[in-house]
């Protein structure tokens, strides 16, 4: 099994200047963790907005209509997933 080209170049660079390569590697890790934290915050924001929309729908449309809409949407998603699975099996 061969290494990806970027990793192979990094290892070659590590052989020539290990200290700088370690510092750049740490910088990349720190940047990755910062981006992960920002992505998690955005995801949580969307989850909170979804919850607010569902709760608002209960008050605006009523519990029965909201529950019917959620069930209908879930069934459509289930059908779409199962339709995709049967097409890939062919």
C-alpha atoms as a PDB file:
ATOM      1  CA  UNK A   1       0.000   0.000   0.000  1.00  0.00           C
ATOM      2  CA  UNK A   2       1.486   3.356  -1.010  1.00  0.00           C
ATOM      3  CA  UNK A   3       1.213   6.665   0.784  1.00  0.00           C
ATOM      4  CA  UNK A   4      -0.822   9.550  -0.614  1.00  0.00           C
ATOM      5  CA  UNK A   5       1.398  12.000  -2.544  1.00  0.00           C
ATOM      6  CA  UNK A   6       0.919  14.858  -0.078  1.00  0.00           C
ATOM      7  CA  UNK A   7       1.914  12.668   2.872  1.00  0.00           C
ATOM      8  CA  UNK A   8       4.926  11.329   0.974  1.00  0.00           C
ATOM      9  CA  UNK A   9       6.095  14.898   0.256  1.00  0.00           C
ATOM     10  CA  UNK A  10       5.553  15.832   3.922  1.00  0.00           C
ATOM     11  CA  UNK A  11       7.662  12.867   5.059  1.00  0.00           C
ATOM     12  CA  UNK A  12      10.413  13.829   2.621  1.00  0.00           C
ATOM     13  CA  UNK A  13      10.276  17.383   3.965  1.00  0.00           C
ATOM     14  CA  UNK A  14      10.361  15.993   7.513  1.00  0.00           C
ATOM     15  CA  UNK A  15      13.649  14.277   6.667  1.00  0.00           C
ATOM     16  CA  UNK A  16      15.231  17.581   5.629  1.00  0.00           C
ATOM     17  CA  UNK A  17      13.900  19.864   8.416  1.00  0.00           C
ATOM     18  CA  UNK A  18      12.103  17.978  11.184  1.00  0.00           C
ATOM     19  CA  UNK A  19      11.530  20.929  13.533  1.00  0.00           C
ATOM     20  CA  UNK A  20       9.803  23.059  10.933  1.00  0.00           C
ATOM     21  CA  UNK A  21       7.769  20.079   9.725  1.00  0.00           C
ATOM     22  CA  UNK A  22       6.539  19.376  13.262  1.00  0.00           C
ATOM     23  CA  UNK A  23       5.593  23.035  13.759  1.00  0.00           C
ATOM     24  CA  UNK A  24       3.674  23.101  10.483  1.00  0.00           C
ATOM     25  CA  UNK A  25       1.981  19.814  11.426  1.00  0.00           C
ATOM     26  CA  UNK A  26       0.890  21.279  14.760  1.00  0.00           C
ATOM     27  CA  UNK A  27      -0.378  24.379  12.991  1.00  0.00           C
ATOM     28  CA  UNK A  28      -2.441  22.256  10.625  1.00  0.00           C
ATOM     29  CA  UNK A  29      -3.888  20.305  13.573  1.00  0.00           C
ATOM     30  CA  UNK A  30      -4.795  23.493  15.420  1.00  0.00           C
ATOM     31  CA  UNK A  31      -6.448  24.884  12.285  1.00  0.00           C
ATOM     32  CA  UNK A  32      -8.381  21.639  11.814  1.00  0.00           C
ATOM     33  CA  UNK A  33      -9.665  21.740  15.399  1.00  0.00           C
ATOM     34  CA  UNK A  34     -10.719  25.382  15.035  1.00  0.00           C
ATOM     35  CA  UNK A  35     -12.603  24.588  11.836  1.00  0.00           C
ATOM     36  CA  UNK A  36     -14.234  21.608  13.533  1.00  0.00           C
ATOM     37  CA  UNK A  37     -15.402  23.801  16.407  1.00  0.00           C
ATOM     38  CA  UNK A  38     -16.878  26.330  13.980  1.00  0.00           C
ATOM     39  CA  UNK A  39     -18.614  23.581  12.009  1.00  0.00           C
ATOM     40  CA  UNK A  40     -20.072  22.160  15.223  1.00  0.00           C
ATOM     41  CA  UNK A  41     -21.423  25.586  16.187  1.00  0.00           C
ATOM     42  CA  UNK A  42     -23.077  25.983  12.787  1.00  0.00           C
ATOM     43  CA  UNK A  43     -24.563  22.484  13.039  1.00  0.00           C
ATOM     44  CA  UNK A  44     -25.947  23.218  16.503  1.00  0.00           C
ATOM     45  CA  UNK A  45     -27.402  26.488  15.210  1.00  0.00           C
ATOM     46  CA  UNK A  46     -29.273  24.576  12.484  1.00  0.00           C
ATOM     47  CA  UNK A  47     -30.521  22.016  15.012  1.00  0.00           C
ATOM     48  CA  UNK A  48     -31.786  24.796  17.287  1.00  0.00           C
ATOM     49  CA  UNK A  49     -33.511  26.510  14.343  1.00  0.00           C
ATOM     50  CA  UNK A  50     -35.139  23.200  13.378  1.00  0.00           C
ATOM     51  CA  UNK A  51     -36.439  22.703  16.918  1.00  0.00           C
ATOM     52  CA  UNK A  52     -37.773  26.264  16.985  1.00  0.00           C
ATOM     53  CA  UNK A  53     -39.515  25.693  13.640  1.00  0.00           C
ATOM     54  CA  UNK A  54     -41.141  22.473  14.844  1.00  0.00           C
ATOM     55  CA  UNK A  55     -42.282  23.992  18.133  1.00  0.00           C
ATOM     56  CA  UNK A  56     -43.569  27.056  16.282  1.00  0.00           C
ATOM     57  CA  UNK A  57     -45.466  24.798  13.919  1.00  0.00           C
ATOM     58  CA  UNK A  58     -47.166  23.109  16.871  1.00  0.00           C
ATOM     59  CA  UNK A  59     -48.443  26.475  18.064  1.00  0.00           C
ATOM     60  CA  UNK A  60     -49.250  27.912  14.613  1.00  0.00           C
ATOM     61  CA  UNK A  61     -50.739  24.894  12.809  1.00  0.00           C
ATOM     62  CA  UNK A  62     -51.689  22.681  15.710  1.00  0.00           C
ATOM     63  CA  UNK A  63     -50.351  19.404  16.959  1.00  0.00           C
ATOM     64  CA  UNK A  64     -52.268  17.177  14.524  1.00  0.00           C
ATOM     65  CA  UNK A  65     -51.189  18.964  11.339  1.00  0.00           C
ATOM     66  CA  UNK A  66     -47.593  19.207  12.523  1.00  0.00           C
ATOM     67  CA  UNK A  67     -47.458  15.534  13.438  1.00  0.00           C
ATOM     68  CA  UNK A  68     -48.994  14.576  10.083  1.00  0.00           C
ATOM     69  CA  UNK A  69     -46.466  16.741   8.222  1.00  0.00           C
ATOM     70  CA  UNK A  70     -43.550  15.215  10.148  1.00  0.00           C
ATOM     71  CA  UNK A  71     -44.795  11.668   9.544  1.00  0.00           C
ATOM     72  CA  UNK A  72     -45.381  12.380   5.863  1.00  0.00           C
ATOM     73  CA  UNK A  73     -41.887  13.853   5.477  1.00  0.00           C
ATOM     74  CA  UNK A  74     -40.315  10.918   7.301  1.00  0.00           C
ATOM     75  CA  UNK A  75     -42.152   8.429   5.083  1.00  0.00           C
ATOM     76  CA  UNK A  76     -41.018  10.272   1.942  1.00  0.00           C
ATOM     77  CA  UNK A  77     -37.428  10.208   3.173  1.00  0.00           C
ATOM     78  CA  UNK A  78     -37.701   6.498   3.973  1.00  0.00           C
ATOM     79  CA  UNK A  79     -39.145   5.761   0.550  1.00  0.00           C
ATOM     80  CA  UNK A  80     -36.414   7.775  -1.155  1.00  0.00           C
ATOM     81  CA  UNK A  81     -33.728   5.888   0.762  1.00  0.00           C
ATOM     82  CA  UNK A  82     -35.212   2.485  -0.022  1.00  0.00           C
ATOM     83  CA  UNK A  83     -35.714   3.433  -3.690  1.00  0.00           C
ATOM     84  CA  UNK A  84     -32.032   4.419  -3.915  1.00  0.00           C
ATOM     85  CA  UNK A  85     -30.970   1.145  -2.296  1.00  0.00           C
ATOM     86  CA  UNK A  86     -32.988  -0.967  -4.726  1.00  0.00           C
ATOM     87  CA  UNK A  87     -31.552   0.947  -7.710  1.00  0.00           C
ATOM     88  CA  UNK A  88     -27.971   0.391  -6.534  1.00  0.00           C
ATOM     89  CA  UNK A  89     -28.623  -3.334  -6.040  1.00  0.00           C
ATOM     90  CA  UNK A  90     -29.436  -3.746  -9.726  1.00  0.00           C
END
